[in-house]
């Protein structure tokens, strides 16, 4: 069946675009607002790491929920809850309840949002296969990544403009994005029928079974280990607003543009993957993703001007897109149906350690500055990536 003839896939793509755009606006808005109100890289990193802590803690249970319960229902309910929390944040900013002395109010809100995404993400990733089937999964994942990166291009530019107009506007638009995403999910007719487990098993037994399955599977284990490099990728995240605001002396609009260039690179990478499909071995794509991303981090950190920063962000985007298609596709196509939600939840646990990178990156920035921070991020990422590839025969032979 042609991918674009699948009705529900169109609604799912639109929903993903608005979800990803909302996510981009929230991350950049929180980073800029906290840095502006407190002047502290450490506080900025801490608050933006909170959702990641919640996701890492709760993702295993999110995976079990994705296997046990109706994924469609989980998706629209979590999106709707995030809509209300975004609206609440906007109201707190409008009435100046959140200020330099009450910035910590963002912590419990971010924590709850992280918990909701812990339930949302495994169901969302697994639902793609439910909608399109295994034969269309690579093309669907590539097109989904390409579509989401359109949001990555547009959302930061819009977010920069909204921050310039008023901090609260970012969160009102964010609430609209998530609400529209919810409507798109409600329009989908496909339902997931659980294939999981005997009724006697409880949720903790399911978590244990998922862990044992993943760590006893050579390829899945290697992919999860290599995904831990995301924490080093996260270290460069707080470097971006600090580089733009403090090092280059630029404003919100330029901040949004440089983030949008990351999306341009990701779109280029996604289109390339969509075209080549199965013609290039996955291990080669994985190597390309590491080289492009880590080289981009180094160039950005040491860049003396704004235009070189833009080039670095495009390169980063190419590496990011290649990563975000290759690894999830390998995981989904090599996992049994009854374990898919839990394996994906483990993937999100590892890859979302990048949000912990916000915290460590903030500490490194305050202690050592931009140059040493990006060097540590690059060395850590390449060390784990190269070691895992060299030691894992199943990963090297994956296709």
Protein backbone atom coordinates (compact mmCIF):
# COMPACT_ATOMS: atom_id res chain seq x y z
CA UNK A 1 0.00 0.00 0.00
CA UNK A 2 1.26 3.50 -0.85
CA UNK A 3 2.24 5.36 2.30
CA UNK A 4 0.28 8.48 1.39
CA UNK A 5 -2.88 6.52 0.66
CA UNK A 6 -3.14 5.65 4.36
CA UNK A 7 -5.71 8.10 5.75
CA UNK A 8 -4.69 7.87 9.40
CA UNK A 9 -1.02 8.44 8.60
CA UNK A 10 -1.86 11.93 7.33
CA UNK A 11 -3.54 12.87 10.61
CA UNK A 12 -0.67 11.34 12.57
CA UNK A 13 1.91 13.35 10.63
CA UNK A 14 0.04 16.61 11.19
CA UNK A 15 -0.28 15.81 14.89
CA UNK A 16 3.45 15.05 15.14
CA UNK A 17 4.37 18.31 13.39
CA UNK A 18 2.41 20.40 15.88
CA UNK A 19 3.64 18.36 18.86
CA UNK A 20 7.25 18.76 17.79
CA UNK A 21 6.78 22.47 17.05
CA UNK A 22 5.29 22.94 20.51
CA UNK A 23 8.18 21.10 22.09
CA UNK A 24 10.70 23.31 20.27
CA UNK A 25 8.94 26.49 21.37
CA UNK A 26 8.78 25.34 24.98
CA UNK A 27 12.46 24.36 25.27
CA UNK A 28 13.77 27.56 23.69
CA UNK A 29 11.31 29.74 25.62
CA UNK A 30 12.18 28.21 29.00
CA UNK A 31 15.91 28.52 28.30
CA UNK A 32 15.69 32.18 27.27
CA UNK A 33 13.24 33.23 29.99
CA UNK A 34 15.24 31.62 32.81
CA UNK A 35 18.56 32.97 31.51
CA UNK A 36 17.06 36.46 31.17
CA UNK A 37 15.33 36.51 34.57
CA UNK A 38 18.13 34.91 36.60
CA UNK A 39 21.32 35.39 34.56
CA UNK A 40 22.34 31.88 35.67
CA UNK A 41 23.39 29.18 33.21
CA UNK A 42 23.14 26.63 36.03
CA UNK A 43 19.51 27.53 36.83
CA UNK A 44 18.63 27.49 33.14
CA UNK A 45 20.15 24.03 32.78
CA UNK A 46 18.47 22.72 35.92
CA UNK A 47 14.94 23.78 34.96
CA UNK A 48 15.26 22.50 31.39
CA UNK A 49 16.58 19.16 32.69
CA UNK A 50 13.54 18.53 34.92
CA UNK A 51 11.28 17.05 32.20
CA UNK A 52 14.09 14.69 31.24
CA UNK A 53 14.43 13.47 34.83
CA UNK A 54 10.70 12.70 34.91
CA UNK A 55 10.79 10.96 31.53
CA UNK A 56 13.79 8.83 32.46
CA UNK A 57 12.14 7.84 35.75
CA UNK A 58 8.72 7.05 34.29
CA UNK A 59 9.44 5.82 30.75
CA UNK A 60 9.51 2.12 31.63
CA UNK A 61 5.99 2.41 32.96
CA UNK A 62 5.04 4.39 29.86
CA UNK A 63 6.26 1.47 27.76
CA UNK A 64 4.13 -0.98 29.71
CA UNK A 65 1.13 1.33 29.31
CA UNK A 66 1.79 1.45 25.55
CA UNK A 67 1.72 -2.36 25.44
CA UNK A 68 -1.20 -2.86 27.82
CA UNK A 69 -3.60 -0.09 26.89
CA UNK A 70 -5.04 1.66 23.85
CA UNK A 71 -2.27 3.82 22.36
CA UNK A 72 -4.68 6.17 20.61
CA UNK A 73 -6.34 7.01 23.93
CA UNK A 74 -3.01 7.55 25.69
CA UNK A 75 -1.94 9.96 22.96
CA UNK A 76 -4.92 12.29 22.98
CA UNK A 77 -5.23 12.32 26.77
CA UNK A 78 -1.57 13.20 27.40
CA UNK A 79 -1.59 15.86 24.67
CA UNK A 80 -4.70 17.47 26.16
CA UNK A 81 -3.14 17.55 29.64
CA UNK A 82 0.02 19.21 28.25
CA UNK A 83 -2.23 21.77 26.54
CA UNK A 84 -3.70 22.85 29.89
CA UNK A 85 -0.26 23.04 31.55
CA UNK A 86 1.03 25.23 28.73
CA UNK A 87 -1.96 27.54 29.12
CA UNK A 88 -1.32 27.68 32.88
CA UNK A 89 2.31 28.69 32.33
CA UNK A 90 1.23 31.48 29.99
CA UNK A 91 -1.22 32.82 32.57
CA UNK A 92 1.43 32.75 35.31
CA UNK A 93 3.71 34.82 33.08
CA UNK A 94 0.94 37.24 32.03
CA UNK A 95 0.08 38.08 35.63
CA UNK A 96 3.81 38.18 36.56
CA UNK A 97 3.40 35.42 39.12
CA UNK A 98 6.55 33.90 37.64
CA UNK A 99 9.50 36.27 38.06
CA UNK A 100 13.15 36.14 39.12
CA UNK A 101 12.26 35.17 42.69
CA UNK A 102 9.54 32.64 41.79
CA UNK A 103 11.23 31.03 38.79
CA UNK A 104 11.12 27.73 40.68
CA UNK A 105 7.37 27.53 39.90
CA UNK A 106 8.48 26.21 36.51
CA UNK A 107 10.00 23.13 38.18
CA UNK A 108 6.77 21.30 39.23
CA UNK A 109 5.11 22.25 35.93
CA UNK A 110 8.09 20.88 34.00
CA UNK A 111 8.09 17.75 36.14
CA UNK A 112 4.43 16.98 35.36
CA UNK A 113 4.98 17.67 31.66
CA UNK A 114 7.91 15.25 31.71
CA UNK A 115 5.74 12.56 33.31
CA UNK A 116 3.09 13.06 30.65
CA UNK A 117 5.67 12.75 27.89
CA UNK A 118 6.93 9.56 29.53
CA UNK A 119 3.48 8.09 28.85
CA UNK A 120 3.12 9.79 25.47
CA UNK A 121 6.43 9.00 23.73
CA UNK A 122 6.45 5.16 23.69
CA UNK A 123 2.80 5.09 22.60
CA UNK A 124 3.48 7.67 19.88
CA UNK A 125 6.46 5.81 18.42
CA UNK A 126 4.74 2.41 18.55
CA UNK A 127 1.54 3.83 17.06
CA UNK A 128 3.36 4.65 13.79
CA UNK A 129 3.84 0.94 13.11
CA UNK A 130 0.20 0.26 14.04
CA UNK A 131 -0.91 2.78 11.43
CA UNK A 132 1.43 1.98 8.51
CA UNK A 133 2.69 -1.59 9.08
CA UNK A 134 6.26 -2.92 8.99
CA UNK A 135 6.65 -2.69 5.22
CA UNK A 136 6.12 1.09 5.27
CA UNK A 137 7.94 1.76 8.56
CA UNK A 138 11.25 3.07 7.18
CA UNK A 139 9.54 5.40 4.70
CA UNK A 140 7.02 6.49 7.33
CA UNK A 141 9.75 7.20 9.88
CA UNK A 142 11.80 9.16 7.36
CA UNK A 143 8.80 11.18 6.19
CA UNK A 144 7.70 11.74 9.79
CA UNK A 145 11.17 13.01 10.66
CA UNK A 146 11.20 15.26 7.59
CA UNK A 147 7.76 16.63 8.48
CA UNK A 148 8.75 17.23 12.08
CA UNK A 149 11.86 19.08 11.00
CA UNK A 150 9.67 21.48 9.05
CA UNK A 151 8.36 22.36 12.49
CA UNK A 152 11.95 22.58 13.72
CA UNK A 153 12.60 25.20 11.06
CA UNK A 154 9.44 27.23 11.59
CA UNK A 155 8.92 26.92 15.36
CA UNK A 156 12.18 28.51 16.60
CA UNK A 157 11.74 31.48 14.28
CA UNK A 158 8.17 31.86 15.51
CA UNK A 159 9.33 31.27 19.09
CA UNK A 160 11.97 33.99 18.80
CA UNK A 161 9.35 36.42 17.50
CA UNK A 162 6.92 35.45 20.27
CA UNK A 163 9.59 35.92 22.94
CA UNK A 164 10.22 39.38 21.51
CA UNK A 165 6.49 40.18 21.67
CA UNK A 166 6.14 38.81 25.21
CA UNK A 167 7.18 35.71 27.11
CA UNK A 168 3.60 34.65 27.80
CA UNK A 169 2.75 34.59 24.07
CA UNK A 170 5.07 31.65 23.56
CA UNK A 171 3.02 29.50 25.90
CA UNK A 172 -0.36 30.57 24.55
CA UNK A 173 0.73 29.56 21.05
CA UNK A 174 2.20 26.38 22.51
CA UNK A 175 -1.20 25.55 24.05
CA UNK A 176 -2.88 26.09 20.67
CA UNK A 177 -0.36 23.79 18.98
CA UNK A 178 -0.93 20.97 21.47
CA UNK A 179 -4.70 21.35 21.33
CA UNK A 180 -4.67 21.09 17.53
CA UNK A 181 -2.39 18.05 17.82
CA UNK A 182 -4.98 16.49 20.13
CA UNK A 183 -7.74 17.08 17.58
CA UNK A 184 -5.68 15.36 14.89
CA UNK A 185 -5.22 12.24 17.06
CA UNK A 186 -8.94 12.16 17.80
CA UNK A 187 -9.52 12.09 14.03
CA UNK A 188 -7.58 8.83 13.62
CA UNK A 189 -9.69 5.67 13.26
CA UNK A 190 -6.95 3.08 13.81
CA UNK A 191 -6.94 1.34 17.19
CA UNK A 192 -4.23 -0.80 18.75
CA UNK A 193 -5.18 -4.24 20.03
CA UNK A 194 -2.91 -5.31 22.85
CA UNK A 195 -1.07 -8.60 22.42
CA UNK A 196 0.41 -8.49 25.89
CA UNK A 197 0.78 -10.98 28.56
CA UNK A 198 -1.36 -13.00 30.85
CA UNK A 199 -3.78 -11.23 33.09
CA UNK A 200 -1.90 -12.44 36.19
CA UNK A 201 1.16 -10.34 35.41
CA UNK A 202 1.36 -7.01 37.17
CA UNK A 203 2.97 -3.86 35.84
CA UNK A 204 6.29 -4.47 37.64
CA UNK A 205 6.55 -7.96 36.14
CA UNK A 206 6.01 -6.38 32.73
CA UNK A 207 8.79 -3.87 33.36
CA UNK A 208 11.16 -6.65 34.43
CA UNK A 209 10.29 -8.71 31.36
CA UNK A 210 11.01 -5.72 29.12
CA UNK A 211 14.37 -5.11 30.76
CA UNK A 212 15.44 -8.75 30.46
CA UNK A 213 14.32 -8.94 26.84
CA UNK A 214 16.21 -5.77 25.88
CA UNK A 215 19.48 -6.56 27.63
CA UNK A 216 19.53 -10.18 26.41
CA UNK A 217 19.05 -9.07 22.79
CA UNK A 218 22.53 -8.20 21.39
CA UNK A 219 21.40 -5.61 18.85
CA UNK A 220 18.85 -3.90 21.11
CA UNK A 221 21.39 -3.79 23.94
CA UNK A 222 24.00 -2.16 21.67
CA UNK A 223 21.50 0.39 20.36
CA UNK A 224 20.46 1.35 23.90
CA UNK A 225 24.10 1.73 25.00
CA UNK A 226 24.93 3.92 22.02
CA UNK A 227 21.84 6.04 22.75
CA UNK A 228 23.35 7.02 26.11
CA UNK A 229 25.61 9.39 24.15
CA UNK A 230 22.55 11.66 24.11
CA UNK A 231 23.61 13.02 27.50
CA UNK A 232 26.72 14.48 25.85
CA UNK A 233 24.61 15.86 23.02
CA UNK A 234 22.54 17.56 25.70
CA UNK A 235 25.56 19.40 27.07
CA UNK A 236 25.68 21.59 23.96
CA UNK A 237 22.01 22.67 24.36
CA UNK A 238 22.62 25.36 27.02
CA UNK A 239 25.64 26.48 24.99
CA UNK A 240 23.30 27.79 22.25
CA UNK A 241 21.50 30.61 24.16
CA UNK A 242 24.70 31.49 26.05
CA UNK A 243 26.66 31.69 22.78
CA UNK A 244 24.03 33.84 21.09
CA UNK A 245 23.14 36.10 24.04
CA UNK A 246 26.37 36.44 26.02
CA UNK A 247 29.17 35.62 23.57
CA UNK A 248 27.86 37.18 20.34
CA UNK A 249 25.62 39.78 22.00
CA UNK A 250 22.55 38.99 19.89
CA UNK A 251 18.85 38.78 20.74
CA UNK A 252 15.77 36.55 20.70
CA UNK A 253 15.22 36.72 16.94
CA UNK A 254 18.78 35.62 16.10
CA UNK A 255 18.41 32.85 18.68
CA UNK A 256 15.30 31.61 16.90
CA UNK A 257 16.99 31.77 13.48
CA UNK A 258 20.01 29.73 14.57
CA UNK A 259 17.72 27.05 16.01
CA UNK A 260 15.75 27.07 12.78
CA UNK A 261 18.96 26.29 10.87
CA UNK A 262 19.19 23.09 12.90
CA UNK A 263 15.82 22.26 11.40
CA UNK A 264 17.05 23.04 7.88
CA UNK A 265 19.86 20.51 8.34
CA UNK A 266 17.47 17.95 9.81
CA UNK A 267 15.13 18.40 6.85
CA UNK A 268 18.02 17.85 4.43
CA UNK A 269 19.03 14.68 6.28
CA UNK A 270 15.47 13.37 6.44
CA UNK A 271 14.88 13.92 2.71
CA UNK A 272 18.15 12.12 1.96
CA UNK A 273 17.09 9.16 4.11
CA UNK A 274 13.64 9.09 2.52
CA UNK A 275 15.21 8.89 -0.95
CA UNK A 276 17.84 6.22 -0.24
CA UNK A 277 15.47 4.15 1.95
CA UNK A 278 16.99 0.63 2.19
CA UNK A 279 19.95 1.14 -0.16
CA UNK A 280 22.52 2.07 2.50
CA UNK A 281 23.41 -0.11 5.47
CA UNK A 282 22.23 1.25 8.79
CA UNK A 283 25.69 1.12 10.38
CA UNK A 284 26.99 3.58 7.79
CA UNK A 285 24.11 5.92 8.53
CA UNK A 286 24.88 5.67 12.25
CA UNK A 287 28.53 6.60 11.69
CA UNK A 288 27.47 9.56 9.53
CA UNK A 289 25.13 10.75 12.28
CA UNK A 290 27.93 10.76 14.88
CA UNK A 291 30.46 12.52 12.67
CA UNK A 292 28.05 15.21 11.46
CA UNK A 293 26.61 15.93 14.89
CA UNK A 294 29.85 16.03 16.88
CA UNK A 295 31.69 18.07 14.25
CA UNK A 296 28.80 20.52 14.27
CA UNK A 297 29.02 20.85 18.06
CA UNK A 298 32.75 21.66 17.87
CA UNK A 299 32.33 24.21 15.09
CA UNK A 300 29.46 25.93 16.92
CA UNK A 301 31.34 26.15 20.21
CA UNK A 302 34.48 27.64 18.66
CA UNK A 303 32.72 29.78 16.06
CA UNK A 304 33.84 33.43 16.07
CA UNK A 305 30.75 34.73 14.25
CA UNK A 306 27.04 34.18 13.69
CA UNK A 307 27.31 32.86 10.14
CA UNK A 308 29.63 30.02 11.10
CA UNK A 309 27.18 29.19 13.91
CA UNK A 310 24.46 28.84 11.27
CA UNK A 311 26.61 26.42 9.23
CA UNK A 312 27.34 24.39 12.37
CA UNK A 313 23.65 24.13 13.22
CA UNK A 314 22.84 22.84 9.72
CA UNK A 315 25.51 20.15 10.14
CA UNK A 316 24.10 19.30 13.57
CA UNK A 317 20.67 18.94 12.04
CA UNK A 318 21.88 16.46 9.41
CA UNK A 319 23.41 14.28 12.13
CA UNK A 320 20.33 14.58 14.33
CA UNK A 321 17.91 13.52 11.58
CA UNK A 322 20.05 10.54 10.59
CA UNK A 323 20.18 9.39 14.21
CA UNK A 324 16.46 9.88 14.88
CA UNK A 325 15.45 7.70 11.93
CA UNK A 326 18.13 5.01 11.99
CA UNK A 327 18.04 3.90 15.63
CA UNK A 328 14.23 3.80 16.14
CA UNK A 329 13.77 1.88 12.86
CA UNK A 330 16.39 -0.69 13.90
CA UNK A 331 14.72 -1.08 17.28
CA UNK A 332 11.18 -1.45 15.93
CA UNK A 333 12.07 -3.88 13.14
CA UNK A 334 14.08 -6.11 15.49
CA UNK A 335 11.62 -6.19 18.41
CA UNK A 336 8.71 -8.55 18.92
CA UNK A 337 5.24 -6.97 18.86
CA UNK A 338 4.48 -7.71 22.50
CA UNK A 339 7.69 -6.00 23.65
CA UNK A 340 7.70 -3.04 21.30
CA UNK A 341 6.31 -0.45 23.71
CA UNK A 342 8.74 -1.38 26.47
CA UNK A 343 11.77 -1.41 24.18
CA UNK A 344 10.82 2.00 22.84
CA UNK A 345 10.39 3.27 26.39
CA UNK A 346 13.96 2.17 27.18
CA UNK A 347 15.12 3.99 24.07
CA UNK A 348 13.42 7.17 25.27
CA UNK A 349 14.97 6.71 28.71
CA UNK A 350 18.43 6.67 27.17
CA UNK A 351 18.02 9.29 24.45
CA UNK A 352 16.27 11.73 26.75
CA UNK A 353 19.28 11.77 29.03
CA UNK A 354 20.14 14.67 26.73
CA UNK A 355 17.87 16.77 28.97
CA UNK A 356 20.13 15.90 31.89
CA UNK A 357 22.82 17.34 29.64
CA UNK A 358 21.11 20.70 30.14
CA UNK A 359 21.98 20.51 33.84
CA UNK A 360 25.57 19.30 33.39
CA UNK A 361 26.06 21.72 30.51
CA UNK A 362 24.94 24.61 32.71
CA UNK A 363 27.45 23.62 35.40
CA UNK A 364 30.27 23.23 32.85
CA UNK A 365 29.46 26.60 31.29
CA UNK A 366 29.61 28.44 34.60
CA UNK A 367 32.80 26.63 35.63
CA UNK A 368 34.83 26.32 32.42
CA UNK A 369 33.15 28.28 29.62
CA UNK A 370 31.92 27.35 26.15
CA UNK A 371 35.08 25.86 24.59
CA UNK A 372 35.83 23.25 27.23
CA UNK A 373 32.13 22.37 27.52
CA UNK A 374 31.82 21.44 23.83
CA UNK A 375 35.13 19.54 23.94
CA UNK A 376 33.88 17.40 26.83
CA UNK A 377 30.58 16.80 25.00
CA UNK A 378 32.32 15.73 21.79
CA UNK A 379 34.92 13.48 23.41
CA UNK A 380 32.30 11.73 25.55
CA UNK A 381 29.95 11.14 22.62
CA UNK A 382 32.60 9.80 20.24
CA UNK A 383 34.20 7.59 22.91
CA UNK A 384 30.98 5.71 23.71
CA UNK A 385 29.85 5.60 20.08
CA UNK A 386 33.11 4.26 18.63
CA UNK A 387 33.60 1.73 21.45
CA UNK A 388 30.07 0.33 21.10
CA UNK A 389 30.33 -0.02 17.31
CA UNK A 390 33.71 -1.76 17.55
CA UNK A 391 32.58 -4.21 20.26
CA UNK A 392 29.12 -5.07 18.85
CA UNK A 393 29.15 -7.43 15.88
CA UNK A 394 25.34 -7.40 15.73
CA UNK A 395 25.36 -3.62 15.39
CA UNK A 396 28.00 -3.63 12.66
CA UNK A 397 26.02 -6.21 10.67
CA UNK A 398 22.62 -4.57 11.16
CA UNK A 399 20.72 -3.66 8.02
